[in-house]
Amino acid sequence: MADAVPEIFRPILWSYDFDRIDPVKHRKTLIIQAINYGTLDHWRWLRQSYGRDSVRQVLATVSATEIRPRARRLASLMFDVDHLNYAPRGTH
């Protein structure tokens, strides 16, 4: 695991204090932001730093609505995610 988040993440973490982002503590945030707004370089870093299984576990626990529609299919292929969680209708 990297000690710090690479500079390439700064633009996709615009709403966070980049200097305080910890790759272990903020794993979910980094994964979701990279999947939604990152490039292939960001995705490669996720896979190299966290591993395919760890990224898959995070994606399996978040609501599908947290992932941009255009990124869902590619994320499911690259990280071998069988399905994303959709909230059933009438849960509110």
PDB file of N, CA and C in Angstrom:
ATOM      1  N   MET A   1       0.846  -1.188   0.000  1.00  0.00           N
ATOM      2  CA  MET A   1       0.000   0.000   0.000  1.00  0.00           C
ATOM      3  C   MET A   1       0.882   1.239   0.000  1.00  0.00           C
ATOM      4  N   ALA A   2       0.523   2.164  -0.844  1.00  0.00           N
ATOM      5  CA  ALA A   2       1.263   3.425  -0.936  1.00  0.00           C
ATOM      6  C   ALA A   2       1.063   4.244   0.335  1.00  0.00           C
ATOM      7  N   ASP A   3       2.101   5.010   0.696  1.00  0.00           N
ATOM      8  CA  ASP A   3       2.013   5.859   1.880  1.00  0.00           C
ATOM      9  C   ASP A   3       1.183   7.109   1.641  1.00  0.00           C
ATOM     10  N   ALA A   4       1.151   7.544   0.395  1.00  0.00           N
ATOM     11  CA  ALA A   4       0.424   8.761   0.049  1.00  0.00           C
ATOM     12  C   ALA A   4      -0.332   8.548  -1.254  1.00  0.00           C
ATOM     13  N   VAL A   5      -1.324   9.367  -1.438  1.00  0.00           N
ATOM     14  CA  VAL A   5      -2.113   9.323  -2.667  1.00  0.00           C
ATOM     15  C   VAL A   5      -1.343  10.085  -3.742  1.00  0.00           C
ATOM     16  N   PRO A   6      -1.203   9.502  -4.928  1.00  0.00           N
ATOM     17  CA  PRO A   6      -0.464  10.191  -5.998  1.00  0.00           C
ATOM     18  C   PRO A   6      -1.130  11.507  -6.407  1.00  0.00           C
ATOM     19  N   GLU A   7      -0.317  12.423  -6.881  1.00  0.00           N
ATOM     20  CA  GLU A   7      -0.799  13.741  -7.322  1.00  0.00           C
ATOM     21  C   GLU A   7      -1.877  13.634  -8.390  1.00  0.00           C
ATOM     22  N   ILE A   8      -1.869  12.584  -9.190  1.00  0.00           N
ATOM     23  CA  ILE A   8      -2.874  12.476 -10.253  1.00  0.00           C
ATOM     24  C   ILE A   8      -4.292  12.433  -9.692  1.00  0.00           C
ATOM     25  N   PHE A   9      -4.423  12.156  -8.379  1.00  0.00           N
ATOM     26  CA  PHE A   9      -5.741  12.106  -7.759  1.00  0.00           C
ATOM     27  C   PHE A   9      -6.262  13.490  -7.348  1.00  0.00           C
ATOM     28  N   ARG A  10      -5.394  14.468  -7.262  1.00  0.00           N
ATOM     29  CA  ARG A  10      -5.813  15.803  -6.803  1.00  0.00           C
ATOM     30  C   ARG A  10      -7.022  16.345  -7.578  1.00  0.00           C
ATOM     31  N   PRO A  11      -7.027  16.290  -8.927  1.00  0.00           N
ATOM     32  CA  PRO A  11      -8.175  16.838  -9.661  1.00  0.00           C
ATOM     33  C   PRO A  11      -9.498  16.109  -9.401  1.00  0.00           C
ATOM     34  N   ILE A  12      -9.453  14.808  -9.108  1.00  0.00           N
ATOM     35  CA  ILE A  12     -10.717  14.095  -8.888  1.00  0.00           C
ATOM     36  C   ILE A  12     -11.141  14.102  -7.422  1.00  0.00           C
ATOM     37  N   LEU A  13     -10.322  14.704  -6.578  1.00  0.00           N
ATOM     38  CA  LEU A  13     -10.665  14.851  -5.155  1.00  0.00           C
ATOM     39  C   LEU A  13     -10.837  16.328  -4.819  1.00  0.00           C
ATOM     40  N   TRP A  14     -11.436  17.065  -5.764  1.00  0.00           N
ATOM     41  CA  TRP A  14     -11.574  18.509  -5.629  1.00  0.00           C
ATOM     42  C   TRP A  14     -12.351  18.936  -4.392  1.00  0.00           C
ATOM     43  N   SER A  15     -13.255  18.118  -3.901  1.00  0.00           N
ATOM     44  CA  SER A  15     -14.066  18.525  -2.754  1.00  0.00           C
ATOM     45  C   SER A  15     -13.512  18.001  -1.426  1.00  0.00           C
ATOM     46  N   TYR A  16     -12.303  17.483  -1.444  1.00  0.00           N
ATOM     47  CA  TYR A  16     -11.662  16.955  -0.238  1.00  0.00           C
ATOM     48  C   TYR A  16     -10.360  17.686   0.017  1.00  0.00           C
ATOM     49  N   ASP A  17      -9.896  17.665   1.255  1.00  0.00           N
ATOM     50  CA  ASP A  17      -8.595  18.223   1.594  1.00  0.00           C
ATOM     51  C   ASP A  17      -7.552  17.188   1.178  1.00  0.00           C
ATOM     52  N   PHE A  18      -7.015  17.361  -0.007  1.00  0.00           N
ATOM     53  CA  PHE A  18      -6.141  16.368  -0.613  1.00  0.00           C
ATOM     54  C   PHE A  18      -4.968  15.993   0.287  1.00  0.00           C
ATOM     55  N   ASP A  19      -4.400  16.965   0.965  1.00  0.00           N
ATOM     56  CA  ASP A  19      -3.228  16.707   1.801  1.00  0.00           C
ATOM     57  C   ASP A  19      -3.551  15.845   3.020  1.00  0.00           C
ATOM     58  N   ARG A  20      -4.816  15.700   3.333  1.00  0.00           N
ATOM     59  CA  ARG A  20      -5.219  14.878   4.487  1.00  0.00           C
ATOM     60  C   ARG A  20      -5.782  13.515   4.091  1.00  0.00           C
ATOM     61  N   ILE A  21      -5.863  13.255   2.802  1.00  0.00           N
ATOM     62  CA  ILE A  21      -6.390  11.972   2.345  1.00  0.00           C
ATOM     63  C   ILE A  21      -5.374  10.876   2.666  1.00  0.00           C
ATOM     64  N   ASP A  22      -5.838   9.862   3.351  1.00  0.00           N
ATOM     65  CA  ASP A  22      -5.012   8.714   3.706  1.00  0.00           C
ATOM     66  C   ASP A  22      -5.484   7.516   2.884  1.00  0.00           C
ATOM     67  N   PRO A  23      -4.593   6.844   2.153  1.00  0.00           N
ATOM     68  CA  PRO A  23      -5.025   5.759   1.283  1.00  0.00           C
ATOM     69  C   PRO A  23      -5.671   4.578   2.010  1.00  0.00           C
ATOM     70  N   VAL A  24      -5.358   4.395   3.270  1.00  0.00           N
ATOM     71  CA  VAL A  24      -5.971   3.304   4.028  1.00  0.00           C
ATOM     72  C   VAL A  24      -7.305   3.756   4.626  1.00  0.00           C
ATOM     73  N   LYS A  25      -7.275   4.861   5.307  1.00  0.00           N
ATOM     74  CA  LYS A  25      -8.469   5.367   5.990  1.00  0.00           C
ATOM     75  C   LYS A  25      -9.573   5.788   5.013  1.00  0.00           C
ATOM     76  N   HIS A  26      -9.193   6.331   3.871  1.00  0.00           N
ATOM     77  CA  HIS A  26     -10.156   6.854   2.895  1.00  0.00           C
ATOM     78  C   HIS A  26     -10.257   5.981   1.651  1.00  0.00           C
ATOM     79  N   ARG A  27     -10.056   4.694   1.820  1.00  0.00           N
ATOM     80  CA  ARG A  27     -10.068   3.740   0.705  1.00  0.00           C
ATOM     81  C   ARG A  27     -11.360   3.825  -0.103  1.00  0.00           C
ATOM     82  N   LYS A  28     -12.503   3.817   0.563  1.00  0.00           N
ATOM     83  CA  LYS A  28     -13.782   3.848  -0.147  1.00  0.00           C
ATOM     84  C   LYS A  28     -13.917   5.125  -0.981  1.00  0.00           C
ATOM     85  N   THR A  29     -13.582   6.251  -0.402  1.00  0.00           N
ATOM     86  CA  THR A  29     -13.662   7.528  -1.110  1.00  0.00           C
ATOM     87  C   THR A  29     -12.770   7.522  -2.348  1.00  0.00           C
ATOM     88  N   LEU A  30     -11.547   7.056  -2.191  1.00  0.00           N
ATOM     89  CA  LEU A  30     -10.625   7.009  -3.325  1.00  0.00           C
ATOM     90  C   LEU A  30     -11.151   6.099  -4.426  1.00  0.00           C
ATOM     91  N   ILE A  31     -11.674   4.964  -4.050  1.00  0.00           N
ATOM     92  CA  ILE A  31     -12.188   4.023  -5.042  1.00  0.00           C
ATOM     93  C   ILE A  31     -13.383   4.610  -5.787  1.00  0.00           C
ATOM     94  N   ILE A  32     -14.340   5.150  -5.058  1.00  0.00           N
ATOM     95  CA  ILE A  32     -15.542   5.699  -5.690  1.00  0.00           C
ATOM     96  C   ILE A  32     -15.203   6.893  -6.582  1.00  0.00           C
ATOM     97  N   GLN A  33     -14.370   7.791  -6.097  1.00  0.00           N
ATOM     98  CA  GLN A  33     -14.000   8.965  -6.900  1.00  0.00           C
ATOM     99  C   GLN A  33     -13.228   8.549  -8.153  1.00  0.00           C
ATOM    100  N   ALA A  34     -12.319   7.595  -8.019  1.00  0.00           N
ATOM    101  CA  ALA A  34     -11.543   7.147  -9.174  1.00  0.00           C
ATOM    102  C   ALA A  34     -12.429   6.442 -10.197  1.00  0.00           C
ATOM    103  N   ILE A  35     -13.351   5.622  -9.733  1.00  0.00           N
ATOM    104  CA  ILE A  35     -14.255   4.930 -10.651  1.00  0.00           C
ATOM    105  C   ILE A  35     -15.129   5.947 -11.384  1.00  0.00           C
ATOM    106  N   ASN A  36     -15.644   6.921 -10.660  1.00  0.00           N
ATOM    107  CA  ASN A  36     -16.557   7.892 -11.259  1.00  0.00           C
ATOM    108  C   ASN A  36     -15.866   8.939 -12.138  1.00  0.00           C
ATOM    109  N   TYR A  37     -14.715   9.413 -11.733  1.00  0.00           N
ATOM    110  CA  TYR A  37     -14.122  10.570 -12.401  1.00  0.00           C
ATOM    111  C   TYR A  37     -12.700  10.343 -12.912  1.00  0.00           C
ATOM    112  N   GLY A  38     -12.136   9.197 -12.600  1.00  0.00           N
ATOM    113  CA  GLY A  38     -10.745   8.953 -12.938  1.00  0.00           C
ATOM    114  C   GLY A  38     -10.522   8.447 -14.347  1.00  0.00           C
ATOM    115  N   THR A  39      -9.266   8.380 -14.682  1.00  0.00           N
ATOM    116  CA  THR A  39      -8.826   7.844 -15.970  1.00  0.00           C
ATOM    117  C   THR A  39      -8.360   6.405 -15.758  1.00  0.00           C
ATOM    118  N   LEU A  40      -7.932   5.792 -16.821  1.00  0.00           N
ATOM    119  CA  LEU A  40      -7.416   4.446 -16.725  1.00  0.00           C
ATOM    120  C   LEU A  40      -6.204   4.389 -15.782  1.00  0.00           C
ATOM    121  N   ASP A  41      -5.418   5.457 -15.725  1.00  0.00           N
ATOM    122  CA  ASP A  41      -4.277   5.505 -14.797  1.00  0.00           C
ATOM    123  C   ASP A  41      -4.742   5.428 -13.348  1.00  0.00           C
ATOM    124  N   HIS A  42      -5.829   6.106 -13.020  1.00  0.00           N
ATOM    125  CA  HIS A  42      -6.384   6.028 -11.663  1.00  0.00           C
ATOM    126  C   HIS A  42      -6.839   4.606 -11.359  1.00  0.00           C
ATOM    127  N   TRP A  43      -7.515   4.010 -12.314  1.00  0.00           N
ATOM    128  CA  TRP A  43      -8.027   2.640 -12.128  1.00  0.00           C
ATOM    129  C   TRP A  43      -6.876   1.660 -11.947  1.00  0.00           C
ATOM    130  N   ARG A  44      -5.804   1.845 -12.702  1.00  0.00           N
ATOM    131  CA  ARG A  44      -4.628   0.974 -12.557  1.00  0.00           C
ATOM    132  C   ARG A  44      -4.022   1.127 -11.166  1.00  0.00           C
ATOM    133  N   TRP A  45      -3.971   2.365 -10.677  1.00  0.00           N
ATOM    134  CA  TRP A  45      -3.435   2.592  -9.338  1.00  0.00           C
ATOM    135  C   TRP A  45      -4.295   1.871  -8.309  1.00  0.00           C
ATOM    136  N   LEU A  46      -5.618   1.946  -8.452  1.00  0.00           N
ATOM    137  CA  LEU A  46      -6.508   1.235  -7.534  1.00  0.00           C
ATOM    138  C   LEU A  46      -6.191  -0.251  -7.522  1.00  0.00           C
ATOM    139  N   ARG A  47      -6.081  -0.808  -8.693  1.00  0.00           N
ATOM    140  CA  ARG A  47      -5.839  -2.251  -8.807  1.00  0.00           C
ATOM    141  C   ARG A  47      -4.477  -2.632  -8.236  1.00  0.00           C
ATOM    142  N   GLN A  48      -3.477  -1.814  -8.506  1.00  0.00           N
ATOM    143  CA  GLN A  48      -2.136  -2.100  -8.005  1.00  0.00           C
ATOM    144  C   GLN A  48      -2.052  -1.894  -6.494  1.00  0.00           C
ATOM    145  N   SER A  49      -2.680  -0.846  -5.980  1.00  0.00           N
ATOM    146  CA  SER A  49      -2.562  -0.495  -4.569  1.00  0.00           C
ATOM    147  C   SER A  49      -3.477  -1.301  -3.663  1.00  0.00           C
ATOM    148  N   TYR A  50      -4.706  -1.510  -4.089  1.00  0.00           N
ATOM    149  CA  TYR A  50      -5.682  -2.198  -3.243  1.00  0.00           C
ATOM    150  C   TYR A  50      -5.913  -3.646  -3.651  1.00  0.00           C
ATOM    151  N   GLY A  51      -5.684  -3.935  -4.908  1.00  0.00           N
ATOM    152  CA  GLY A  51      -5.960  -5.267  -5.411  1.00  0.00           C
ATOM    153  C   GLY A  51      -7.390  -5.373  -5.916  1.00  0.00           C
ATOM    154  N   ARG A  52      -7.569  -6.255  -6.844  1.00  0.00           N
ATOM    155  CA  ARG A  52      -8.879  -6.435  -7.474  1.00  0.00           C
ATOM    156  C   ARG A  52      -9.950  -6.830  -6.459  1.00  0.00           C
ATOM    157  N   ASP A  53      -9.613  -7.730  -5.543  1.00  0.00           N
ATOM    158  CA  ASP A  53     -10.593  -8.206  -4.566  1.00  0.00           C
ATOM    159  C   ASP A  53     -11.062  -7.099  -3.629  1.00  0.00           C
ATOM    160  N   SER A  54     -10.134  -6.270  -3.186  1.00  0.00           N
ATOM    161  CA  SER A  54     -10.493  -5.181  -2.275  1.00  0.00           C
ATOM    162  C   SER A  54     -11.396  -4.159  -2.965  1.00  0.00           C
ATOM    163  N   VAL A  55     -11.071  -3.812  -4.207  1.00  0.00           N
ATOM    164  CA  VAL A  55     -11.917  -2.873  -4.955  1.00  0.00           C
ATOM    165  C   VAL A  55     -13.291  -3.498  -5.177  1.00  0.00           C
ATOM    166  N   ARG A  56     -13.325  -4.759  -5.515  1.00  0.00           N
ATOM    167  CA  ARG A  56     -14.589  -5.470  -5.723  1.00  0.00           C
ATOM    168  C   ARG A  56     -15.433  -5.442  -4.447  1.00  0.00           C
ATOM    169  N   GLN A  57     -14.815  -5.652  -3.301  1.00  0.00           N
ATOM    170  CA  GLN A  57     -15.547  -5.636  -2.033  1.00  0.00           C
ATOM    171  C   GLN A  57     -16.183  -4.275  -1.774  1.00  0.00           C
ATOM    172  N   VAL A  58     -15.442  -3.222  -2.036  1.00  0.00           N
ATOM    173  CA  VAL A  58     -15.998  -1.875  -1.844  1.00  0.00           C
ATOM    174  C   VAL A  58     -17.155  -1.650  -2.804  1.00  0.00           C
ATOM    175  N   LEU A  59     -16.977  -1.994  -4.063  1.00  0.00           N
ATOM    176  CA  LEU A  59     -18.043  -1.792  -5.049  1.00  0.00           C
ATOM    177  C   LEU A  59     -19.281  -2.623  -4.714  1.00  0.00           C
ATOM    178  N   ALA A  60     -19.093  -3.771  -4.099  1.00  0.00           N
ATOM    179  CA  ALA A  60     -20.228  -4.620  -3.741  1.00  0.00           C
ATOM    180  C   ALA A  60     -21.013  -4.070  -2.553  1.00  0.00           C
ATOM    181  N   THR A  61     -20.409  -3.161  -1.783  1.00  0.00           N
ATOM    182  CA  THR A  61     -21.084  -2.636  -0.598  1.00  0.00           C
ATOM    183  C   THR A  61     -21.754  -1.292  -0.818  1.00  0.00           C
ATOM    184  N   VAL A  62     -21.420  -0.607  -1.906  1.00  0.00           N
ATOM    185  CA  VAL A  62     -22.025   0.708  -2.144  1.00  0.00           C
ATOM    186  C   VAL A  62     -23.256   0.563  -3.024  1.00  0.00           C
ATOM    187  N   SER A  63     -24.113   1.533  -2.936  1.00  0.00           N
ATOM    188  CA  SER A  63     -25.292   1.558  -3.793  1.00  0.00           C
ATOM    189  C   SER A  63     -24.865   1.816  -5.231  1.00  0.00           C
ATOM    190  N   ALA A  64     -25.516   1.178  -6.156  1.00  0.00           N
ATOM    191  CA  ALA A  64     -25.199   1.363  -7.576  1.00  0.00           C
ATOM    192  C   ALA A  64     -25.353   2.823  -7.986  1.00  0.00           C
ATOM    193  N   THR A  65     -26.202   3.549  -7.288  1.00  0.00           N
ATOM    194  CA  THR A  65     -26.405   4.956  -7.637  1.00  0.00           C
ATOM    195  C   THR A  65     -25.194   5.815  -7.288  1.00  0.00           C
ATOM    196  N   GLU A  66     -24.263   5.294  -6.492  1.00  0.00           N
ATOM    197  CA  GLU A  66     -23.031   6.028  -6.195  1.00  0.00           C
ATOM    198  C   GLU A  66     -22.044   5.966  -7.352  1.00  0.00           C
ATOM    199  N   ILE A  67     -22.282   5.053  -8.284  1.00  0.00           N
ATOM    200  CA  ILE A  67     -21.400   4.896  -9.437  1.00  0.00           C
ATOM    201  C   ILE A  67     -22.100   5.465 -10.667  1.00  0.00           C
ATOM    202  N   ARG A  68     -21.407   6.331 -11.377  1.00  0.00           N
ATOM    203  CA  ARG A  68     -21.979   6.934 -12.584  1.00  0.00           C
ATOM    204  C   ARG A  68     -22.336   5.835 -13.583  1.00  0.00           C
ATOM    205  N   PRO A  69     -23.472   5.958 -14.234  1.00  0.00           N
ATOM    206  CA  PRO A  69     -23.925   4.915 -15.155  1.00  0.00           C
ATOM    207  C   PRO A  69     -22.885   4.514 -16.203  1.00  0.00           C
ATOM    208  N   ARG A  70     -22.162   5.471 -16.733  1.00  0.00           N
ATOM    209  CA  ARG A  70     -21.180   5.158 -17.777  1.00  0.00           C
ATOM    210  C   ARG A  70     -19.986   4.385 -17.221  1.00  0.00           C
ATOM    211  N   ALA A  71     -19.753   4.471 -15.922  1.00  0.00           N
ATOM    212  CA  ALA A  71     -18.610   3.786 -15.319  1.00  0.00           C
ATOM    213  C   ALA A  71     -18.980   2.398 -14.787  1.00  0.00           C
ATOM    214  N   ARG A  72     -20.269   2.146 -14.581  1.00  0.00           N
ATOM    215  CA  ARG A  72     -20.706   0.877 -13.981  1.00  0.00           C
ATOM    216  C   ARG A  72     -20.248  -0.343 -14.764  1.00  0.00           C
ATOM    217  N   ARG A  73     -20.492  -0.344 -16.047  1.00  0.00           N
ATOM    218  CA  ARG A  73     -20.182  -1.523 -16.861  1.00  0.00           C
ATOM    219  C   ARG A  73     -18.682  -1.798 -16.905  1.00  0.00           C
ATOM    220  N   LEU A  74     -17.904  -0.756 -17.134  1.00  0.00           N
ATOM    221  CA  LEU A  74     -16.455  -0.931 -17.188  1.00  0.00           C
ATOM    222  C   LEU A  74     -15.907  -1.387 -15.830  1.00  0.00           C
ATOM    223  N   ALA A  75     -16.410  -0.796 -14.759  1.00  0.00           N
ATOM    224  CA  ALA A  75     -15.969  -1.199 -13.419  1.00  0.00           C
ATOM    225  C   ALA A  75     -16.318  -2.657 -13.153  1.00  0.00           C
ATOM    226  N   SER A  76     -17.496  -3.067 -13.580  1.00  0.00           N
ATOM    227  CA  SER A  76     -17.894  -4.458 -13.350  1.00  0.00           C
ATOM    228  C   SER A  76     -16.999  -5.409 -14.138  1.00  0.00           C
ATOM    229  N   LEU A  77     -16.553  -5.000 -15.315  1.00  0.00           N
ATOM    230  CA  LEU A  77     -15.658  -5.838 -16.109  1.00  0.00           C
ATOM    231  C   LEU A  77     -14.229  -5.844 -15.559  1.00  0.00           C
ATOM    232  N   MET A  78     -13.718  -4.669 -15.257  1.00  0.00           N
ATOM    233  CA  MET A  78     -12.328  -4.568 -14.823  1.00  0.00           C
ATOM    234  C   MET A  78     -12.091  -5.175 -13.443  1.00  0.00           C
ATOM    235  N   PHE A  79     -13.087  -5.032 -12.564  1.00  0.00           N
ATOM    236  CA  PHE A  79     -12.914  -5.515 -11.200  1.00  0.00           C
ATOM    237  C   PHE A  79     -13.756  -6.758 -10.911  1.00  0.00           C
ATOM    238  N   ASP A  80     -14.346  -7.322 -11.963  1.00  0.00           N
ATOM    239  CA  ASP A  80     -15.085  -8.579 -11.863  1.00  0.00           C
ATOM    240  C   ASP A  80     -16.191  -8.507 -10.801  1.00  0.00           C
ATOM    241  N   VAL A  81     -17.016  -7.471 -10.916  1.00  0.00           N
ATOM    242  CA  VAL A  81     -18.134  -7.292  -9.998  1.00  0.00           C
ATOM    243  C   VAL A  81     -19.367  -7.916 -10.632  1.00  0.00           C
ATOM    244  N   ASP A  82     -19.939  -8.904  -9.971  1.00  0.00           N
ATOM    245  CA  ASP A  82     -21.103  -9.593 -10.517  1.00  0.00           C
ATOM    246  C   ASP A  82     -22.315  -8.679 -10.617  1.00  0.00           C
ATOM    247  N   HIS A  83     -22.528  -7.901  -9.592  1.00  0.00           N
ATOM    248  CA  HIS A  83     -23.672  -6.986  -9.594  1.00  0.00           C
ATOM    249  C   HIS A  83     -23.397  -5.843  -8.639  1.00  0.00           C
ATOM    250  N   LEU A  84     -24.041  -4.740  -8.898  1.00  0.00           N
ATOM    251  CA  LEU A  84     -23.993  -3.598  -7.988  1.00  0.00           C
ATOM    252  C   LEU A  84     -25.311  -3.567  -7.238  1.00  0.00           C
ATOM    253  N   ASN A  85     -25.271  -3.039  -6.042  1.00  0.00           N
ATOM    254  CA  ASN A  85     -26.463  -3.020  -5.196  1.00  0.00           C
ATOM    255  C   ASN A  85     -27.426  -1.913  -5.604  1.00  0.00           C
ATOM    256  N   TYR A  86     -28.630  -2.317  -5.903  1.00  0.00           N
ATOM    257  CA  TYR A  86     -29.690  -1.354  -6.184  1.00  0.00           C
ATOM    258  C   TYR A  86     -30.663  -1.395  -5.019  1.00  0.00           C
ATOM    259  N   ALA A  87     -31.049  -0.234  -4.555  1.00  0.00           N
ATOM    260  CA  ALA A  87     -32.019  -0.172  -3.465  1.00  0.00           C
ATOM    261  C   ALA A  87     -33.380  -0.589  -4.011  1.00  0.00           C
ATOM    262  N   PRO A  88     -34.071  -1.449  -3.309  1.00  0.00           N
ATOM    263  CA  PRO A  88     -35.403  -1.850  -3.791  1.00  0.00           C
ATOM    264  C   PRO A  88     -36.355  -0.666  -3.751  1.00  0.00           C
ATOM    265  N   ARG A  89     -37.337  -0.680  -4.626  1.00  0.00           N
ATOM    266  CA  ARG A  89     -38.335   0.396  -4.643  1.00  0.00           C
ATOM    267  C   ARG A  89     -39.100   0.413  -3.338  1.00  0.00           C
ATOM    268  N   GLY A  90     -39.482   1.597  -2.948  1.00  0.00           N
ATOM    269  CA  GLY A  90     -40.284   1.748  -1.749  1.00  0.00           C
ATOM    270  C   GLY A  90     -39.486   1.634  -0.456  1.00  0.00           C
ATOM    271  N   THR A  91     -38.182   1.902  -0.503  1.00  0.00           N
ATOM    272  CA  THR A  91     -37.375   1.815   0.705  1.00  0.00           C
ATOM    273  C   THR A  91     -37.344   3.121   1.484  1.00  0.00           C
ATOM    274  N   HIS A  92     -38.018   4.126   0.988  1.00  0.00           N
ATOM    275  CA  HIS A  92     -38.013   5.413   1.691  1.00  0.00           C
ATOM    276  C   HIS A  92     -39.232   5.605   2.528  1.00  0.00           C
TER     277      HIS A  92
END
